Every structure is written in C-alpha cells, then in structure tokens.
C-alpha cells in the first residue's frame, strides 16, 4: 500500500491535479486535509471521479490554485453504504 503523505508532499508530487485521498486526516476546522494516501490522481476532474467512484469514502481535492484566487478547492465525499 502507498505511504501516507502530508498535504505539502501531496501538493509537490501532484501539482495542479485532482487527488482522491483515502485514509485521510481532515479536521473540520481545516480547509484542506493534513495528510492522506493518494488513491488516484488526474488533471481532469471527470477522469478522477470515474477512477474513484466505487470508493465509499474519499477526499477529492484540487492541488492547484483556483482561477483568480489563491484559495485551494477542496471537497469531501463521504458515502454511507
């Protein structure tokens, strides 16, 4: 299994890509995860969603800048089976 990476390591390794994180640490008070295991990655959002759609729980995160902003785009996806 892949290693758990910090958010800084994820941003550096997968710059400007959509990331599906599993086994992630993401406190409700933080705008992005603190760490996680990269399950899948792609510069294309639709491709990443297709790759990760079978997961019951994942954090879907963009590692680049949003257009015109310095904020990170982040979304948590939790599915109950």
N, C-alpha and C. Protein backbone atom coordinates (compact mmCIF):
# COMPACT_ATOMS: atom_id res chain seq x y z
N UNK A 1 0.83 -1.17 0.00
CA UNK A 1 0.00 0.00 0.00
C UNK A 1 0.89 1.25 0.00
N UNK A 2 0.39 2.31 -0.57
CA UNK A 2 1.14 3.55 -0.67
C UNK A 2 1.30 4.20 0.71
N UNK A 3 2.29 5.05 0.81
CA UNK A 3 2.56 5.76 2.06
C UNK A 3 1.60 6.93 2.24
N UNK A 4 1.33 7.24 3.50
CA UNK A 4 0.54 8.43 3.81
C UNK A 4 1.46 9.64 3.65
N UNK A 5 0.98 10.64 2.92
CA UNK A 5 1.75 11.84 2.65
C UNK A 5 1.14 13.04 3.34
N UNK A 6 1.96 14.02 3.67
CA UNK A 6 1.46 15.28 4.20
C UNK A 6 0.86 16.09 3.05
N UNK A 7 0.05 17.11 3.37
CA UNK A 7 -0.54 17.96 2.33
C UNK A 7 0.55 18.62 1.49
N UNK A 8 1.63 19.06 2.11
CA UNK A 8 2.72 19.68 1.35
C UNK A 8 3.36 18.69 0.38
N UNK A 9 3.55 17.45 0.81
CA UNK A 9 4.10 16.42 -0.09
C UNK A 9 3.15 16.12 -1.23
N UNK A 10 1.85 16.08 -0.94
CA UNK A 10 0.85 15.82 -1.98
C UNK A 10 0.88 16.94 -3.02
N UNK A 11 0.87 18.20 -2.56
CA UNK A 11 0.90 19.35 -3.48
C UNK A 11 2.14 19.34 -4.35
N UNK A 12 3.27 18.98 -3.77
CA UNK A 12 4.53 18.97 -4.52
C UNK A 12 4.57 17.83 -5.54
N UNK A 13 4.10 16.67 -5.14
CA UNK A 13 4.15 15.49 -6.01
C UNK A 13 3.09 15.51 -7.10
N UNK A 14 1.91 16.03 -6.77
CA UNK A 14 0.76 16.02 -7.69
C UNK A 14 0.27 17.44 -7.96
N UNK A 15 1.17 18.31 -8.34
CA UNK A 15 0.83 19.72 -8.57
C UNK A 15 -0.21 19.86 -9.68
N UNK A 16 -1.19 20.72 -9.46
CA UNK A 16 -2.23 21.03 -10.45
C UNK A 16 -2.98 19.79 -10.93
N UNK A 17 -3.32 18.93 -9.97
CA UNK A 17 -4.09 17.72 -10.28
C UNK A 17 -5.21 17.55 -9.26
N UNK A 18 -6.23 16.82 -9.68
CA UNK A 18 -7.27 16.36 -8.77
C UNK A 18 -6.76 15.10 -8.09
N UNK A 19 -6.99 15.00 -6.79
CA UNK A 19 -6.50 13.88 -5.98
C UNK A 19 -7.67 13.23 -5.26
N UNK A 20 -7.69 11.90 -5.24
CA UNK A 20 -8.61 11.15 -4.39
C UNK A 20 -7.79 10.59 -3.24
N UNK A 21 -8.08 11.05 -2.04
CA UNK A 21 -7.35 10.60 -0.85
C UNK A 21 -8.19 9.63 -0.05
N UNK A 22 -7.55 8.57 0.39
CA UNK A 22 -8.16 7.64 1.33
C UNK A 22 -7.33 7.67 2.60
N UNK A 23 -7.88 7.14 3.67
CA UNK A 23 -7.21 7.14 4.97
C UNK A 23 -6.63 8.53 5.25
N UNK A 24 -7.48 9.55 5.08
CA UNK A 24 -7.02 10.92 5.22
C UNK A 24 -7.34 11.49 6.60
N UNK A 25 -6.56 12.49 6.98
CA UNK A 25 -6.79 13.24 8.21
C UNK A 25 -7.21 14.63 7.77
N UNK A 26 -8.47 14.99 8.06
CA UNK A 26 -9.01 16.28 7.63
C UNK A 26 -9.93 16.82 8.71
N UNK A 27 -9.36 17.55 9.66
CA UNK A 27 -10.19 18.15 10.71
C UNK A 27 -11.21 19.12 10.11
N UNK A 28 -12.38 19.18 10.71
CA UNK A 28 -13.44 20.07 10.22
C UNK A 28 -13.02 21.53 10.20
N UNK A 29 -12.02 21.89 10.99
CA UNK A 29 -11.57 23.28 11.07
C UNK A 29 -10.55 23.65 10.00
N UNK A 30 -10.11 22.67 9.21
CA UNK A 30 -9.09 22.92 8.20
C UNK A 30 -9.69 22.97 6.79
N UNK A 31 -9.18 23.86 5.91
CA UNK A 31 -9.71 23.95 4.55
C UNK A 31 -9.23 22.84 3.63
N UNK A 32 -8.14 22.18 3.99
CA UNK A 32 -7.59 21.07 3.20
C UNK A 32 -7.15 19.97 4.15
N UNK A 33 -7.00 18.75 3.64
CA UNK A 33 -6.55 17.65 4.50
C UNK A 33 -5.14 17.89 5.02
N UNK A 34 -4.84 17.34 6.17
CA UNK A 34 -3.48 17.41 6.71
C UNK A 34 -2.59 16.35 6.09
N UNK A 35 -3.21 15.18 5.78
CA UNK A 35 -2.45 14.08 5.19
C UNK A 35 -3.42 13.06 4.62
N UNK A 36 -2.88 12.11 3.87
CA UNK A 36 -3.69 11.04 3.32
C UNK A 36 -2.90 10.17 2.37
N UNK A 37 -3.52 9.10 1.94
CA UNK A 37 -2.94 8.20 0.94
C UNK A 37 -3.58 8.52 -0.39
N UNK A 38 -2.76 8.81 -1.39
CA UNK A 38 -3.27 9.14 -2.72
C UNK A 38 -3.72 7.84 -3.38
N UNK A 39 -5.03 7.71 -3.58
CA UNK A 39 -5.59 6.54 -4.24
C UNK A 39 -5.52 6.70 -5.75
N UNK A 40 -5.83 7.91 -6.23
CA UNK A 40 -5.81 8.19 -7.67
C UNK A 40 -5.56 9.68 -7.87
N UNK A 41 -5.09 10.03 -9.07
CA UNK A 41 -4.85 11.43 -9.40
C UNK A 41 -4.99 11.64 -10.89
N UNK A 42 -5.41 12.85 -11.26
CA UNK A 42 -5.58 13.20 -12.67
C UNK A 42 -5.74 14.71 -12.79
N UNK A 43 -5.24 15.30 -13.88
CA UNK A 43 -5.51 16.72 -14.10
C UNK A 43 -6.96 16.98 -14.50
N UNK A 44 -7.68 15.92 -14.87
CA UNK A 44 -9.06 16.05 -15.31
C UNK A 44 -10.01 15.55 -14.23
N UNK A 45 -10.92 16.42 -13.80
CA UNK A 45 -11.84 16.09 -12.71
C UNK A 45 -12.72 14.88 -13.04
N UNK A 46 -13.30 14.86 -14.22
CA UNK A 46 -14.19 13.77 -14.61
C UNK A 46 -13.46 12.43 -14.61
N UNK A 47 -12.22 12.44 -15.06
CA UNK A 47 -11.42 11.21 -15.07
C UNK A 47 -11.18 10.72 -13.65
N UNK A 48 -10.85 11.63 -12.75
CA UNK A 48 -10.62 11.24 -11.37
C UNK A 48 -11.88 10.68 -10.73
N UNK A 49 -13.01 11.33 -10.95
CA UNK A 49 -14.27 10.84 -10.39
C UNK A 49 -14.56 9.43 -10.89
N UNK A 50 -14.33 9.18 -12.15
CA UNK A 50 -14.54 7.83 -12.71
C UNK A 50 -13.62 6.82 -12.03
N UNK A 51 -12.38 7.21 -11.77
CA UNK A 51 -11.41 6.30 -11.14
C UNK A 51 -11.76 5.99 -9.69
N UNK A 52 -12.43 6.94 -9.02
CA UNK A 52 -12.68 6.80 -7.58
C UNK A 52 -14.14 6.58 -7.22
N UNK A 53 -15.01 6.44 -8.20
CA UNK A 53 -16.45 6.40 -7.92
C UNK A 53 -16.89 5.20 -7.08
N UNK A 54 -16.13 4.15 -7.06
CA UNK A 54 -16.51 2.97 -6.28
C UNK A 54 -16.11 3.07 -4.80
N UNK A 55 -15.34 4.08 -4.44
CA UNK A 55 -14.92 4.22 -3.05
C UNK A 55 -16.09 4.66 -2.18
N UNK A 56 -16.16 4.12 -0.98
CA UNK A 56 -17.21 4.53 -0.04
C UNK A 56 -16.87 5.84 0.63
N UNK A 57 -15.59 6.11 0.81
CA UNK A 57 -15.16 7.36 1.43
C UNK A 57 -13.87 7.82 0.77
N UNK A 58 -13.85 9.08 0.38
CA UNK A 58 -12.64 9.66 -0.21
C UNK A 58 -12.71 11.17 -0.07
N UNK A 59 -11.56 11.79 -0.05
CA UNK A 59 -11.49 13.24 -0.12
C UNK A 59 -11.03 13.58 -1.53
N UNK A 60 -11.81 14.39 -2.23
CA UNK A 60 -11.47 14.80 -3.59
C UNK A 60 -10.95 16.23 -3.48
N UNK A 61 -9.69 16.43 -3.88
CA UNK A 61 -9.02 17.70 -3.64
C UNK A 61 -8.26 18.16 -4.88
N UNK A 62 -8.36 19.44 -5.21
CA UNK A 62 -7.56 20.05 -6.27
C UNK A 62 -6.31 20.64 -5.63
N UNK A 63 -5.14 20.37 -6.17
CA UNK A 63 -3.89 20.84 -5.56
C UNK A 63 -3.41 22.17 -6.11
N UNK A 64 -4.03 22.65 -7.18
CA UNK A 64 -3.60 23.92 -7.76
C UNK A 64 -4.43 25.09 -7.27
N UNK A 65 -4.18 26.24 -7.85
CA UNK A 65 -4.91 27.45 -7.49
C UNK A 65 -6.19 27.54 -8.30
N UNK A 66 -7.23 28.06 -7.67
CA UNK A 66 -8.46 28.34 -8.40
C UNK A 66 -8.20 29.58 -9.24
N UNK A 67 -8.86 29.68 -10.36
CA UNK A 67 -8.69 30.85 -11.22
C UNK A 67 -9.00 32.13 -10.47
N UNK A 68 -8.06 33.06 -10.53
CA UNK A 68 -8.27 34.36 -9.94
C UNK A 68 -8.24 34.40 -8.42
N UNK A 69 -7.94 33.28 -7.79
CA UNK A 69 -7.92 33.22 -6.33
C UNK A 69 -6.69 32.46 -5.86
N UNK A 70 -6.33 32.67 -4.62
CA UNK A 70 -5.22 31.94 -4.02
C UNK A 70 -5.70 30.79 -3.15
N UNK A 71 -7.00 30.57 -3.13
CA UNK A 71 -7.57 29.52 -2.30
C UNK A 71 -7.47 28.16 -2.97
N UNK A 72 -7.47 27.14 -2.20
CA UNK A 72 -7.48 25.77 -2.71
C UNK A 72 -8.91 25.30 -2.79
N UNK A 73 -9.21 24.56 -3.83
CA UNK A 73 -10.53 23.96 -3.93
C UNK A 73 -10.48 22.58 -3.28
N UNK A 74 -11.42 22.32 -2.42
CA UNK A 74 -11.43 21.03 -1.72
C UNK A 74 -12.86 20.57 -1.50
N UNK A 75 -13.05 19.29 -1.57
CA UNK A 75 -14.37 18.71 -1.38
C UNK A 75 -14.21 17.38 -0.68
N UNK A 76 -15.01 17.17 0.33
CA UNK A 76 -15.02 15.87 1.00
C UNK A 76 -16.21 15.09 0.49
N UNK A 77 -15.97 13.83 0.17
CA UNK A 77 -17.04 12.96 -0.26
C UNK A 77 -17.08 11.78 0.70
N UNK A 78 -18.18 11.66 1.42
CA UNK A 78 -18.38 10.54 2.32
C UNK A 78 -19.67 9.86 1.92
N UNK A 79 -19.58 8.58 1.60
CA UNK A 79 -20.76 7.81 1.24
C UNK A 79 -21.00 6.74 2.28
N UNK A 80 -22.21 6.62 2.67
CA UNK A 80 -22.59 5.57 3.60
C UNK A 80 -23.12 4.38 2.78
N UNK A 81 -22.64 3.21 3.11
CA UNK A 81 -23.09 2.01 2.39
C UNK A 81 -24.37 1.51 2.97
